[in-house]
Amino acid sequence: MGVYFQIQDDYLDCFGDPEVIGKVGTDIEECSWLIVQAMELANENEMKILYENYGKSDPECIAAVKNVYKELDIQDIFLEYESRVYKHLVSTIDAEQNHTIREIMKIFLKKIYKRTK
């Protein structure tokens, strides 16, 4: 659940509305799950753009990286990941023998699944 939360945070940092998430994201300038996904899918030209622009706080560089993310459908890749992880977490939680732990984990998952901030 913690890994999902961090990946979700990377996603919201990049694609979330700063008015909703309460901050301007910096994950374009830092390492994140999104760049790993992009590098696995990028063609030679997209990889060149990523190498030239990733890790820089320049707004034009950030826009170039986000554009590559959009070309590679990173948002859809995240949504597929989120759905897959949610199903896995639900089945793992449901298999928990201890009722109290199971209920606490359900509460945590409900708070973070599909969050927007």
PDB file of N, CA and C in Angstrom:
ATOM      1  N   MET A   1       0.828  -1.185   0.000  1.00  0.00           N
ATOM      2  CA  MET A   1       0.000   0.000   0.000  1.00  0.00           C
ATOM      3  C   MET A   1       0.876   1.254   0.000  1.00  0.00           C
ATOM      4  N   GLY A   2       2.004   1.194   0.692  1.00  0.00           N
ATOM      5  CA  GLY A   2       2.914   2.333   0.735  1.00  0.00           C
ATOM      6  C   GLY A   2       3.523   2.637  -0.620  1.00  0.00           C
ATOM      7  N   VAL A   3       3.873   1.590  -1.370  1.00  0.00           N
ATOM      8  CA  VAL A   3       4.429   1.781  -2.715  1.00  0.00           C
ATOM      9  C   VAL A   3       3.371   2.416  -3.612  1.00  0.00           C
ATOM     10  N   TYR A   4       2.151   1.902  -3.547  1.00  0.00           N
ATOM     11  CA  TYR A   4       1.053   2.476  -4.329  1.00  0.00           C
ATOM     12  C   TYR A   4       0.873   3.954  -3.982  1.00  0.00           C
ATOM     13  N   PHE A   5       0.897   4.282  -2.692  1.00  0.00           N
ATOM     14  CA  PHE A   5       0.721   5.665  -2.259  1.00  0.00           C
ATOM     15  C   PHE A   5       1.805   6.561  -2.855  1.00  0.00           C
ATOM     16  N   GLN A   6       3.062   6.105  -2.849  1.00  0.00           N
ATOM     17  CA  GLN A   6       4.159   6.913  -3.379  1.00  0.00           C
ATOM     18  C   GLN A   6       4.040   7.096  -4.888  1.00  0.00           C
ATOM     19  N   ILE A   7       3.690   6.036  -5.592  1.00  0.00           N
ATOM     20  CA  ILE A   7       3.520   6.134  -7.042  1.00  0.00           C
ATOM     21  C   ILE A   7       2.355   7.062  -7.365  1.00  0.00           C
ATOM     22  N   GLN A   8       1.288   6.946  -6.595  1.00  0.00           N
ATOM     23  CA  GLN A   8       0.137   7.835  -6.762  1.00  0.00           C
ATOM     24  C   GLN A   8       0.554   9.282  -6.518  1.00  0.00           C
ATOM     25  N   ASP A   9       1.409   9.520  -5.533  1.00  0.00           N
ATOM     26  CA  ASP A   9       1.899  10.864  -5.249  1.00  0.00           C
ATOM     27  C   ASP A   9       2.696  11.418  -6.427  1.00  0.00           C
ATOM     28  N   ASP A  10       3.540  10.576  -7.033  1.00  0.00           N
ATOM     29  CA  ASP A  10       4.287  10.981  -8.230  1.00  0.00           C
ATOM     30  C   ASP A  10       3.317  11.390  -9.338  1.00  0.00           C
ATOM     31  N   TYR A  11       2.289  10.574  -9.537  1.00  0.00           N
ATOM     32  CA  TYR A  11       1.292  10.827 -10.576  1.00  0.00           C
ATOM     33  C   TYR A  11       0.575  12.160 -10.319  1.00  0.00           C
ATOM     34  N   LEU A  12       0.105  12.350  -9.094  1.00  0.00           N
ATOM     35  CA  LEU A  12      -0.603  13.590  -8.763  1.00  0.00           C
ATOM     36  C   LEU A  12       0.311  14.805  -8.872  1.00  0.00           C
ATOM     37  N   ASP A  13       1.581  14.631  -8.505  1.00  0.00           N
ATOM     38  CA  ASP A  13       2.546  15.722  -8.611  1.00  0.00           C
ATOM     39  C   ASP A  13       2.674  16.195 -10.058  1.00  0.00           C
ATOM     40  N   CYS A  14       2.613  15.250 -10.981  1.00  0.00           N
ATOM     41  CA  CYS A  14       2.791  15.589 -12.390  1.00  0.00           C
ATOM     42  C   CYS A  14       1.485  16.014 -13.054  1.00  0.00           C
ATOM     43  N   PHE A  15       0.428  15.262 -12.806  1.00  0.00           N
ATOM     44  CA  PHE A  15      -0.817  15.478 -13.537  1.00  0.00           C
ATOM     45  C   PHE A  15      -1.936  16.116 -12.714  1.00  0.00           C
ATOM     46  N   GLY A  16      -1.737  16.237 -11.417  1.00  0.00           N
ATOM     47  CA  GLY A  16      -2.777  16.809 -10.570  1.00  0.00           C
ATOM     48  C   GLY A  16      -2.877  18.314 -10.711  1.00  0.00           C
ATOM     49  N   ASP A  17      -4.022  18.838 -10.368  1.00  0.00           N
ATOM     50  CA  ASP A  17      -4.275  20.276 -10.382  1.00  0.00           C
ATOM     51  C   ASP A  17      -3.677  20.880  -9.110  1.00  0.00           C
ATOM     52  N   PRO A  18      -2.711  21.808  -9.227  1.00  0.00           N
ATOM     53  CA  PRO A  18      -2.099  22.406  -8.030  1.00  0.00           C
ATOM     54  C   PRO A  18      -3.119  23.033  -7.080  1.00  0.00           C
ATOM     55  N   GLU A  19      -4.226  23.510  -7.625  1.00  0.00           N
ATOM     56  CA  GLU A  19      -5.278  24.079  -6.773  1.00  0.00           C
ATOM     57  C   GLU A  19      -5.920  23.006  -5.890  1.00  0.00           C
ATOM     58  N   VAL A  20      -5.957  21.780  -6.390  1.00  0.00           N
ATOM     59  CA  VAL A  20      -6.577  20.676  -5.657  1.00  0.00           C
ATOM     60  C   VAL A  20      -5.572  19.984  -4.749  1.00  0.00           C
ATOM     61  N   ILE A  21      -4.372  19.703  -5.274  1.00  0.00           N
ATOM     62  CA  ILE A  21      -3.393  18.963  -4.470  1.00  0.00           C
ATOM     63  C   ILE A  21      -2.670  19.844  -3.458  1.00  0.00           C
ATOM     64  N   GLY A  22      -2.787  21.167  -3.612  1.00  0.00           N
ATOM     65  CA  GLY A  22      -2.224  22.085  -2.634  1.00  0.00           C
ATOM     66  C   GLY A  22      -0.745  22.350  -2.776  1.00  0.00           C
ATOM     67  N   LYS A  23      -0.156  21.956  -3.897  1.00  0.00           N
ATOM     68  CA  LYS A  23       1.261  22.214  -4.117  1.00  0.00           C
ATOM     69  C   LYS A  23       1.554  22.150  -5.603  1.00  0.00           C
ATOM     70  N   VAL A  24       2.678  22.745  -5.974  1.00  0.00           N
ATOM     71  CA  VAL A  24       3.166  22.622  -7.339  1.00  0.00           C
ATOM     72  C   VAL A  24       4.166  21.483  -7.321  1.00  0.00           C
ATOM     73  N   GLY A  25       3.910  20.472  -8.120  1.00  0.00           N
ATOM     74  CA  GLY A  25       4.744  19.274  -8.093  1.00  0.00           C
ATOM     75  C   GLY A  25       6.156  19.500  -8.576  1.00  0.00           C
ATOM     76  N   THR A  26       7.072  18.707  -8.018  1.00  0.00           N
ATOM     77  CA  THR A  26       8.470  18.776  -8.422  1.00  0.00           C
ATOM     78  C   THR A  26       8.992  17.432  -8.901  1.00  0.00           C
ATOM     79  N   ASP A  27       8.114  16.466  -9.106  1.00  0.00           N
ATOM     80  CA  ASP A  27       8.589  15.135  -9.485  1.00  0.00           C
ATOM     81  C   ASP A  27       9.169  15.091 -10.887  1.00  0.00           C
ATOM     82  N   ILE A  28       8.918  16.095 -11.710  1.00  0.00           N
ATOM     83  CA  ILE A  28       9.577  16.151 -13.018  1.00  0.00           C
ATOM     84  C   ILE A  28      11.067  16.407 -12.819  1.00  0.00           C
ATOM     85  N   GLU A  29      11.405  17.141 -11.773  1.00  0.00           N
ATOM     86  CA  GLU A  29      12.813  17.435 -11.512  1.00  0.00           C
ATOM     87  C   GLU A  29      13.494  16.344 -10.690  1.00  0.00           C
ATOM     88  N   GLU A  30      12.727  15.408 -10.169  1.00  0.00           N
ATOM     89  CA  GLU A  30      13.256  14.365  -9.303  1.00  0.00           C
ATOM     90  C   GLU A  30      12.906  12.992  -9.875  1.00  0.00           C
ATOM     91  N   CYS A  31      13.522  11.974  -9.332  1.00  0.00           N
ATOM     92  CA  CYS A  31      13.256  10.614  -9.784  1.00  0.00           C
ATOM     93  C   CYS A  31      11.848  10.194  -9.383  1.00  0.00           C
ATOM     94  N   SER A  32      11.165   9.509 -10.263  1.00  0.00           N
ATOM     95  CA  SER A  32       9.830   9.027  -9.936  1.00  0.00           C
ATOM     96  C   SER A  32       9.462   7.827 -10.798  1.00  0.00           C
ATOM     97  N   TRP A  33       8.386   7.189 -10.407  1.00  0.00           N
ATOM     98  CA  TRP A  33       7.844   6.048 -11.128  1.00  0.00           C
ATOM     99  C   TRP A  33       7.512   6.429 -12.570  1.00  0.00           C
ATOM    100  N   LEU A  34       7.050   7.641 -12.764  1.00  0.00           N
ATOM    101  CA  LEU A  34       6.642   8.090 -14.100  1.00  0.00           C
ATOM    102  C   LEU A  34       7.805   8.047 -15.088  1.00  0.00           C
ATOM    103  N   ILE A  35       8.962   8.528 -14.676  1.00  0.00           N
ATOM    104  CA  ILE A  35      10.101   8.550 -15.597  1.00  0.00           C
ATOM    105  C   ILE A  35      10.565   7.132 -15.900  1.00  0.00           C
ATOM    106  N   VAL A  36      10.479   6.252 -14.935  1.00  0.00           N
ATOM    107  CA  VAL A  36      10.857   4.853 -15.175  1.00  0.00           C
ATOM    108  C   VAL A  36       9.949   4.249 -16.246  1.00  0.00           C
ATOM    109  N   GLN A  37       8.657   4.486 -16.131  1.00  0.00           N
ATOM    110  CA  GLN A  37       7.717   3.979 -17.129  1.00  0.00           C
ATOM    111  C   GLN A  37       8.016   4.576 -18.503  1.00  0.00           C
ATOM    112  N   ALA A  38       8.262   5.878 -18.532  1.00  0.00           N
ATOM    113  CA  ALA A  38       8.538   6.564 -19.801  1.00  0.00           C
ATOM    114  C   ALA A  38       9.793   6.013 -20.466  1.00  0.00           C
ATOM    115  N   MET A  39      10.823   5.782 -19.683  1.00  0.00           N
ATOM    116  CA  MET A  39      12.085   5.294 -20.255  1.00  0.00           C
ATOM    117  C   MET A  39      11.948   3.871 -20.798  1.00  0.00           C
ATOM    118  N   GLU A  40      11.052   3.099 -20.214  1.00  0.00           N
ATOM    119  CA  GLU A  40      10.823   1.747 -20.728  1.00  0.00           C
ATOM    120  C   GLU A  40      10.098   1.760 -22.067  1.00  0.00           C
ATOM    121  N   LEU A  41       9.337   2.813 -22.322  1.00  0.00           N
ATOM    122  CA  LEU A  41       8.497   2.873 -23.525  1.00  0.00           C
ATOM    123  C   LEU A  41       9.014   3.802 -24.619  1.00  0.00           C
ATOM    124  N   ALA A  42       9.879   4.719 -24.250  1.00  0.00           N
ATOM    125  CA  ALA A  42      10.292   5.790 -25.160  1.00  0.00           C
ATOM    126  C   ALA A  42      11.075   5.272 -26.361  1.00  0.00           C
ATOM    127  N   ASN A  43      10.803   5.906 -27.511  1.00  0.00           N
ATOM    128  CA  ASN A  43      11.623   5.639 -28.692  1.00  0.00           C
ATOM    129  C   ASN A  43      12.882   6.508 -28.592  1.00  0.00           C
ATOM    130  N   GLU A  44      13.724   6.452 -29.592  1.00  0.00           N
ATOM    131  CA  GLU A  44      14.997   7.176 -29.554  1.00  0.00           C
ATOM    132  C   GLU A  44      14.798   8.684 -29.400  1.00  0.00           C
ATOM    133  N   ASN A  45      13.872   9.246 -30.139  1.00  0.00           N
ATOM    134  CA  ASN A  45      13.629  10.687 -30.071  1.00  0.00           C
ATOM    135  C   ASN A  45      13.065  11.091 -28.711  1.00  0.00           C
ATOM    136  N   GLU A  46      12.112  10.324 -28.210  1.00  0.00           N
ATOM    137  CA  GLU A  46      11.525  10.634 -26.899  1.00  0.00           C
ATOM    138  C   GLU A  46      12.574  10.499 -25.793  1.00  0.00           C
ATOM    139  N   MET A  47      13.435   9.494 -25.921  1.00  0.00           N
ATOM    140  CA  MET A  47      14.492   9.300 -24.940  1.00  0.00           C
ATOM    141  C   MET A  47      15.451  10.500 -24.939  1.00  0.00           C
ATOM    142  N   LYS A  48      15.746  11.016 -26.124  1.00  0.00           N
ATOM    143  CA  LYS A  48      16.611  12.191 -26.242  1.00  0.00           C
ATOM    144  C   LYS A  48      15.983  13.389 -25.527  1.00  0.00           C
ATOM    145  N   ILE A  49      14.686  13.576 -25.739  1.00  0.00           N
ATOM    146  CA  ILE A  49      13.967  14.682 -25.084  1.00  0.00           C
ATOM    147  C   ILE A  49      14.019  14.511 -23.569  1.00  0.00           C
ATOM    148  N   LEU A  50      13.809  13.290 -23.094  1.00  0.00           N
ATOM    149  CA  LEU A  50      13.857  13.041 -21.657  1.00  0.00           C
ATOM    150  C   LEU A  50      15.238  13.336 -21.090  1.00  0.00           C
ATOM    151  N   TYR A  51      16.270  12.842 -21.748  1.00  0.00           N
ATOM    152  CA  TYR A  51      17.642  13.078 -21.276  1.00  0.00           C
ATOM    153  C   TYR A  51      17.989  14.562 -21.249  1.00  0.00           C
ATOM    154  N   GLU A  52      17.516  15.299 -22.232  1.00  0.00           N
ATOM    155  CA  GLU A  52      17.838  16.725 -22.314  1.00  0.00           C
ATOM    156  C   GLU A  52      17.040  17.574 -21.331  1.00  0.00           C
ATOM    157  N   ASN A  53      15.890  17.086 -20.878  1.00  0.00           N
ATOM    158  CA  ASN A  53      14.991  17.933 -20.099  1.00  0.00           C
ATOM    159  C   ASN A  53      14.675  17.458 -18.691  1.00  0.00           C
ATOM    160  N   TYR A  54      14.793  16.174 -18.441  1.00  0.00           N
ATOM    161  CA  TYR A  54      14.413  15.650 -17.134  1.00  0.00           C
ATOM    162  C   TYR A  54      15.381  16.123 -16.054  1.00  0.00           C
ATOM    163  N   GLY A  55      14.841  16.440 -14.886  1.00  0.00           N
ATOM    164  CA  GLY A  55      15.672  16.846 -13.760  1.00  0.00           C
ATOM    165  C   GLY A  55      15.954  18.329 -13.702  1.00  0.00           C
ATOM    166  N   LYS A  56      15.376  19.081 -14.606  1.00  0.00           N
ATOM    167  CA  LYS A  56      15.599  20.528 -14.649  1.00  0.00           C
ATOM    168  C   LYS A  56      14.321  21.247 -14.217  1.00  0.00           C
ATOM    169  N   SER A  57      14.478  22.310 -13.461  1.00  0.00           N
ATOM    170  CA  SER A  57      13.309  23.044 -12.971  1.00  0.00           C
ATOM    171  C   SER A  57      12.813  24.100 -13.954  1.00  0.00           C
ATOM    172  N   ASP A  58      13.422  24.186 -15.112  1.00  0.00           N
ATOM    173  CA  ASP A  58      13.008  25.121 -16.159  1.00  0.00           C
ATOM    174  C   ASP A  58      11.610  24.728 -16.655  1.00  0.00           C
ATOM    175  N   PRO A  59      10.664  25.673 -16.662  1.00  0.00           N
ATOM    176  CA  PRO A  59       9.296  25.359 -17.096  1.00  0.00           C
ATOM    177  C   PRO A  59       9.220  24.744 -18.508  1.00  0.00           C
ATOM    178  N   GLU A  60      10.098  25.162 -19.416  1.00  0.00           N
ATOM    179  CA  GLU A  60      10.089  24.579 -20.765  1.00  0.00           C
ATOM    180  C   GLU A  60      10.547  23.124 -20.737  1.00  0.00           C
ATOM    181  N   CYS A  61      11.501  22.820 -19.890  1.00  0.00           N
ATOM    182  CA  CYS A  61      11.972  21.437 -19.758  1.00  0.00           C
ATOM    183  C   CYS A  61      10.873  20.559 -19.145  1.00  0.00           C
ATOM    184  N   ILE A  62      10.214  21.089 -18.129  1.00  0.00           N
ATOM    185  CA  ILE A  62       9.120  20.357 -17.491  1.00  0.00           C
ATOM    186  C   ILE A  62       8.018  20.081 -18.512  1.00  0.00           C
ATOM    187  N   ALA A  63       7.677  21.088 -19.320  1.00  0.00           N
ATOM    188  CA  ALA A  63       6.644  20.921 -20.348  1.00  0.00           C
ATOM    189  C   ALA A  63       7.060  19.866 -21.373  1.00  0.00           C
ATOM    190  N   ALA A  64       8.337  19.845 -21.735  1.00  0.00           N
ATOM    191  CA  ALA A  64       8.815  18.855 -22.707  1.00  0.00           C
ATOM    192  C   ALA A  64       8.684  17.438 -22.155  1.00  0.00           C
ATOM    193  N   VAL A  65       9.023  17.256 -20.875  1.00  0.00           N
ATOM    194  CA  VAL A  65       8.899  15.939 -20.252  1.00  0.00           C
ATOM    195  C   VAL A  65       7.433  15.539 -20.163  1.00  0.00           C
ATOM    196  N   LYS A  66       6.586  16.464 -19.732  1.00  0.00           N
ATOM    197  CA  LYS A  66       5.155  16.160 -19.640  1.00  0.00           C
ATOM    198  C   LYS A  66       4.585  15.809 -21.008  1.00  0.00           C
ATOM    199  N   ASN A  67       5.065  16.458 -22.040  1.00  0.00           N
ATOM    200  CA  ASN A  67       4.594  16.159 -23.388  1.00  0.00           C
ATOM    201  C   ASN A  67       4.951  14.722 -23.780  1.00  0.00           C
ATOM    202  N   VAL A  68       6.160  14.299 -23.446  1.00  0.00           N
ATOM    203  CA  VAL A  68       6.553  12.907 -23.719  1.00  0.00           C
ATOM    204  C   VAL A  68       5.653  11.966 -22.913  1.00  0.00           C
ATOM    205  N   TYR A  69       5.397  12.294 -21.662  1.00  0.00           N
ATOM    206  CA  TYR A  69       4.503  11.467 -20.844  1.00  0.00           C
ATOM    207  C   TYR A  69       3.142  11.321 -21.526  1.00  0.00           C
ATOM    208  N   LYS A  70       2.637  12.424 -22.058  1.00  0.00           N
ATOM    209  CA  LYS A  70       1.329  12.376 -22.732  1.00  0.00           C
ATOM    210  C   LYS A  70       1.395  11.536 -23.998  1.00  0.00           C
ATOM    211  N   GLU A  71       2.475  11.684 -24.770  1.00  0.00           N
ATOM    212  CA  GLU A  71       2.638  10.883 -25.987  1.00  0.00           C
ATOM    213  C   GLU A  71       2.674   9.389 -25.670  1.00  0.00           C
ATOM    214  N   LEU A  72       3.251   9.053 -24.537  1.00  0.00           N
ATOM    215  CA  LEU A  72       3.401   7.647 -24.143  1.00  0.00           C
ATOM    216  C   LEU A  72       2.204   7.126 -23.341  1.00  0.00           C
ATOM    217  N   ASP A  73       1.201   7.960 -23.154  1.00  0.00           N
ATOM    218  CA  ASP A  73       0.000   7.587 -22.394  1.00  0.00           C
ATOM    219  C   ASP A  73       0.317   7.142 -20.969  1.00  0.00           C
ATOM    220  N   ILE A  74       1.235   7.846 -20.330  1.00  0.00           N
ATOM    221  CA  ILE A  74       1.626   7.503 -18.966  1.00  0.00           C
ATOM    222  C   ILE A  74       0.434   7.603 -18.019  1.00  0.00           C
ATOM    223  N   GLN A  75      -0.481   8.521 -18.274  1.00  0.00           N
ATOM    224  CA  GLN A  75      -1.670   8.624 -17.421  1.00  0.00           C
ATOM    225  C   GLN A  75      -2.474   7.330 -17.477  1.00  0.00           C
ATOM    226  N   ASP A  76      -2.688   6.792 -18.662  1.00  0.00           N
ATOM    227  CA  ASP A  76      -3.428   5.537 -18.789  1.00  0.00           C
ATOM    228  C   ASP A  76      -2.675   4.378 -18.153  1.00  0.00           C
ATOM    229  N   ILE A  77      -1.355   4.388 -18.283  1.00  0.00           N
ATOM    230  CA  ILE A  77      -0.537   3.340 -17.659  1.00  0.00           C
ATOM    231  C   ILE A  77      -0.700   3.394 -16.149  1.00  0.00           C
ATOM    232  N   PHE A  78      -0.719   4.605 -15.583  1.00  0.00           N
ATOM    233  CA  PHE A  78      -0.937   4.730 -14.148  1.00  0.00           C
ATOM    234  C   PHE A  78      -2.315   4.211 -13.762  1.00  0.00           C
ATOM    235  N   LEU A  79      -3.337   4.581 -14.512  1.00  0.00           N
ATOM    236  CA  LEU A  79      -4.697   4.154 -14.171  1.00  0.00           C
ATOM    237  C   LEU A  79      -4.839   2.633 -14.226  1.00  0.00           C
ATOM    238  N   GLU A  80      -4.185   2.005 -15.185  1.00  0.00           N
ATOM    239  CA  GLU A  80      -4.183   0.539 -15.246  1.00  0.00           C
ATOM    240  C   GLU A  80      -3.452  -0.048 -14.037  1.00  0.00           C
ATOM    241  N   TYR A  81      -2.307   0.546 -13.710  1.00  0.00           N
ATOM    242  CA  TYR A  81      -1.546   0.116 -12.535  1.00  0.00           C
ATOM    243  C   TYR A  81      -2.410   0.247 -11.276  1.00  0.00           C
ATOM    244  N   GLU A  82      -3.058   1.394 -11.132  1.00  0.00           N
ATOM    245  CA  GLU A  82      -3.867   1.657  -9.952  1.00  0.00           C
ATOM    246  C   GLU A  82      -4.986   0.622  -9.809  1.00  0.00           C
ATOM    247  N   SER A  83      -5.635   0.301 -10.893  1.00  0.00           N
ATOM    248  CA  SER A  83      -6.713  -0.689 -10.863  1.00  0.00           C
ATOM    249  C   SER A  83      -6.188  -2.065 -10.458  1.00  0.00           C
ATOM    250  N   ARG A  84      -5.068  -2.450 -11.052  1.00  0.00           N
ATOM    251  CA  ARG A  84      -4.458  -3.752 -10.757  1.00  0.00           C
ATOM    252  C   ARG A  84      -4.038  -3.834  -9.280  1.00  0.00           C
ATOM    253  N   VAL A  85      -3.390  -2.782  -8.786  1.00  0.00           N
ATOM    254  CA  VAL A  85      -2.929  -2.767  -7.401  1.00  0.00           C
ATOM    255  C   VAL A  85      -4.109  -2.757  -6.436  1.00  0.00           C
ATOM    256  N   TYR A  86      -5.140  -2.022  -6.767  1.00  0.00           N
ATOM    257  CA  TYR A  86      -6.319  -1.977  -5.898  1.00  0.00           C
ATOM    258  C   TYR A  86      -6.913  -3.375  -5.736  1.00  0.00           C
ATOM    259  N   LYS A  87      -7.078  -4.074  -6.836  1.00  0.00           N
ATOM    260  CA  LYS A  87      -7.631  -5.439  -6.765  1.00  0.00           C
ATOM    261  C   LYS A  87      -6.745  -6.344  -5.917  1.00  0.00           C
ATOM    262  N   HIS A  88      -5.429  -6.209  -6.100  1.00  0.00           N
ATOM    263  CA  HIS A  88      -4.491  -7.010  -5.311  1.00  0.00           C
ATOM    264  C   HIS A  88      -4.590  -6.670  -3.820  1.00  0.00           C
ATOM    265  N   LEU A  89      -4.638  -5.373  -3.507  1.00  0.00           N
ATOM    266  CA  LEU A  89      -4.719  -4.958  -2.114  1.00  0.00           C
ATOM    267  C   LEU A  89      -6.018  -5.430  -1.464  1.00  0.00           C
ATOM    268  N   VAL A  90      -7.115  -5.332  -2.189  1.00  0.00           N
ATOM    269  CA  VAL A  90      -8.404  -5.793  -1.651  1.00  0.00           C
ATOM    270  C   VAL A  90      -8.342  -7.289  -1.340  1.00  0.00           C
ATOM    271  N   SER A  91      -7.815  -8.075  -2.264  1.00  0.00           N
ATOM    272  CA  SER A  91      -7.752  -9.519  -2.010  1.00  0.00           C
ATOM    273  C   SER A  91      -6.794  -9.842  -0.862  1.00  0.00           C
ATOM    274  N   THR A  92      -5.697  -9.098  -0.753  1.00  0.00           N
ATOM    275  CA  THR A  92      -4.755  -9.304   0.348  1.00  0.00           C
ATOM    276  C   THR A  92      -5.391  -8.934   1.685  1.00  0.00           C
ATOM    277  N   ILE A  93      -6.085  -7.813   1.706  1.00  0.00           N
ATOM    278  CA  ILE A  93      -6.769  -7.381   2.933  1.00  0.00           C
ATOM    279  C   ILE A  93      -7.853  -8.379   3.316  1.00  0.00           C
ATOM    280  N   ASP A  94      -8.628  -8.829   2.347  1.00  0.00           N
ATOM    281  CA  ASP A  94      -9.698  -9.788   2.628  1.00  0.00           C
ATOM    282  C   ASP A  94      -9.174 -11.113   3.176  1.00  0.00           C
ATOM    283  N   ALA A  95      -7.946 -11.438   2.832  1.00  0.00           N
ATOM    284  CA  ALA A  95      -7.350 -12.691   3.309  1.00  0.00           C
ATOM    285  C   ALA A  95      -6.780 -12.566   4.726  1.00  0.00           C
ATOM    286  N   GLU A  96      -6.692 -11.361   5.238  1.00  0.00           N
ATOM    287  CA  GLU A  96      -6.159 -11.152   6.590  1.00  0.00           C
ATOM    288  C   GLU A  96      -7.074 -11.815   7.616  1.00  0.00           C
ATOM    289  N   GLN A  97      -6.468 -12.604   8.486  1.00  0.00           N
ATOM    290  CA  GLN A  97      -7.224 -13.347   9.505  1.00  0.00           C
ATOM    291  C   GLN A  97      -7.772 -12.447  10.609  1.00  0.00           C
ATOM    292  N   ASN A  98      -7.004 -11.452  10.991  1.00  0.00           N
ATOM    293  CA  ASN A  98      -7.378 -10.594  12.103  1.00  0.00           C
ATOM    294  C   ASN A  98      -8.389  -9.541  11.633  1.00  0.00           C
ATOM    295  N   HIS A  99      -9.576  -9.596  12.226  1.00  0.00           N
ATOM    296  CA  HIS A  99     -10.663  -8.687  11.829  1.00  0.00           C
ATOM    297  C   HIS A  99     -10.277  -7.214  12.013  1.00  0.00           C
ATOM    298  N   THR A 100      -9.629  -6.878  13.112  1.00  0.00           N
ATOM    299  CA  THR A 100      -9.261  -5.486  13.391  1.00  0.00           C
ATOM    300  C   THR A 100      -8.270  -4.976  12.360  1.00  0.00           C
ATOM    301  N   ILE A 101      -7.250  -5.756  12.078  1.00  0.00           N
ATOM    302  CA  ILE A 101      -6.267  -5.358  11.071  1.00  0.00           C
ATOM    303  C   ILE A 101      -6.938  -5.207   9.712  1.00  0.00           C
ATOM    304  N   ARG A 102      -7.803  -6.152   9.375  1.00  0.00           N
ATOM    305  CA  ARG A 102      -8.515  -6.097   8.096  1.00  0.00           C
ATOM    306  C   ARG A 102      -9.321  -4.802   7.975  1.00  0.00           C
ATOM    307  N   GLU A 103     -10.024  -4.428   9.023  1.00  0.00           N
ATOM    308  CA  GLU A 103     -10.850  -3.217   8.990  1.00  0.00           C
ATOM    309  C   GLU A 103      -9.986  -1.953   8.922  1.00  0.00           C
ATOM    310  N   ILE A 104      -8.881  -1.931   9.629  1.00  0.00           N
ATOM    311  CA  ILE A 104      -7.977  -0.776   9.582  1.00  0.00           C
ATOM    312  C   ILE A 104      -7.393  -0.618   8.181  1.00  0.00           C
ATOM    313  N   MET A 105      -6.966  -1.720   7.588  1.00  0.00           N
ATOM    314  CA  MET A 105      -6.398  -1.656   6.242  1.00  0.00           C
ATOM    315  C   MET A 105      -7.442  -1.209   5.218  1.00  0.00           C
ATOM    316  N   LYS A 106      -8.677  -1.636   5.385  1.00  0.00           N
ATOM    317  CA  LYS A 106      -9.755  -1.185   4.483  1.00  0.00           C
ATOM    318  C   LYS A 106      -9.960   0.319   4.600  1.00  0.00           C
ATOM    319  N   ILE A 107      -9.878   0.842   5.812  1.00  0.00           N
ATOM    320  CA  ILE A 107     -10.022   2.288   6.030  1.00  0.00           C
ATOM    321  C   ILE A 107      -8.881   3.032   5.335  1.00  0.00           C
ATOM    322  N   PHE A 108      -7.645   2.556   5.512  1.00  0.00           N
ATOM    323  CA  PHE A 108      -6.500   3.194   4.851  1.00  0.00           C
ATOM    324  C   PHE A 108      -6.656   3.176   3.338  1.00  0.00           C
ATOM    325  N   LEU A 109      -7.021   2.024   2.803  1.00  0.00           N
ATOM    326  CA  LEU A 109      -7.156   1.913   1.349  1.00  0.00           C
ATOM    327  C   LEU A 109      -8.249   2.835   0.833  1.00  0.00           C
ATOM    328  N   LYS A 110      -9.355   2.907   1.548  1.00  0.00           N
ATOM    329  CA  LYS A 110     -10.449   3.792   1.139  1.00  0.00           C
ATOM    330  C   LYS A 110      -9.995   5.252   1.100  1.00  0.00           C
ATOM    331  N   LYS A 111      -9.111   5.632   2.036  1.00  0.00           N
ATOM    332  CA  LYS A 111      -8.625   7.022   2.081  1.00  0.00           C
ATOM    333  C   LYS A 111      -7.710   7.361   0.903  1.00  0.00           C
ATOM    334  N   ILE A 112      -6.943   6.385   0.432  1.00  0.00           N
ATOM    335  CA  ILE A 112      -5.966   6.727  -0.615  1.00  0.00           C
ATOM    336  C   ILE A 112      -6.395   6.347  -2.022  1.00  0.00           C
ATOM    337  N   TYR A 113      -7.285   5.380  -2.187  1.00  0.00           N
ATOM    338  CA  TYR A 113      -7.653   4.946  -3.528  1.00  0.00           C
ATOM    339  C   TYR A 113      -8.363   6.063  -4.288  1.00  0.00           C
ATOM    340  N   LYS A 114      -7.839   6.384  -5.451  1.00  0.00           N
ATOM    341  CA  LYS A 114      -8.386   7.428  -6.336  1.00  0.00           C
ATOM    342  C   LYS A 114      -8.387   8.808  -5.682  1.00  0.00           C
ATOM    343  N   ARG A 115      -7.462   9.030  -4.736  1.00  0.00           N
ATOM    344  CA  ARG A 115      -7.401  10.350  -4.111  1.00  0.00           C
ATOM    345  C   ARG A 115      -6.962  11.385  -5.145  1.00  0.00           C
ATOM    346  N   THR A 116      -7.297  12.634  -4.862  1.00  0.00           N
ATOM    347  CA  THR A 116      -6.937  13.712  -5.789  1.00  0.00           C
ATOM    348  C   THR A 116      -5.977  14.715  -5.158  1.00  0.00           C
ATOM    349  N   LYS A 117      -5.651  14.513  -3.886  1.00  0.00           N
ATOM    350  CA  LYS A 117      -4.667  15.406  -3.231  1.00  0.00           C
ATOM    351  C   LYS A 117      -3.926  14.671  -2.156  1.00  0.00           C
TER     352      LYS A 117
END
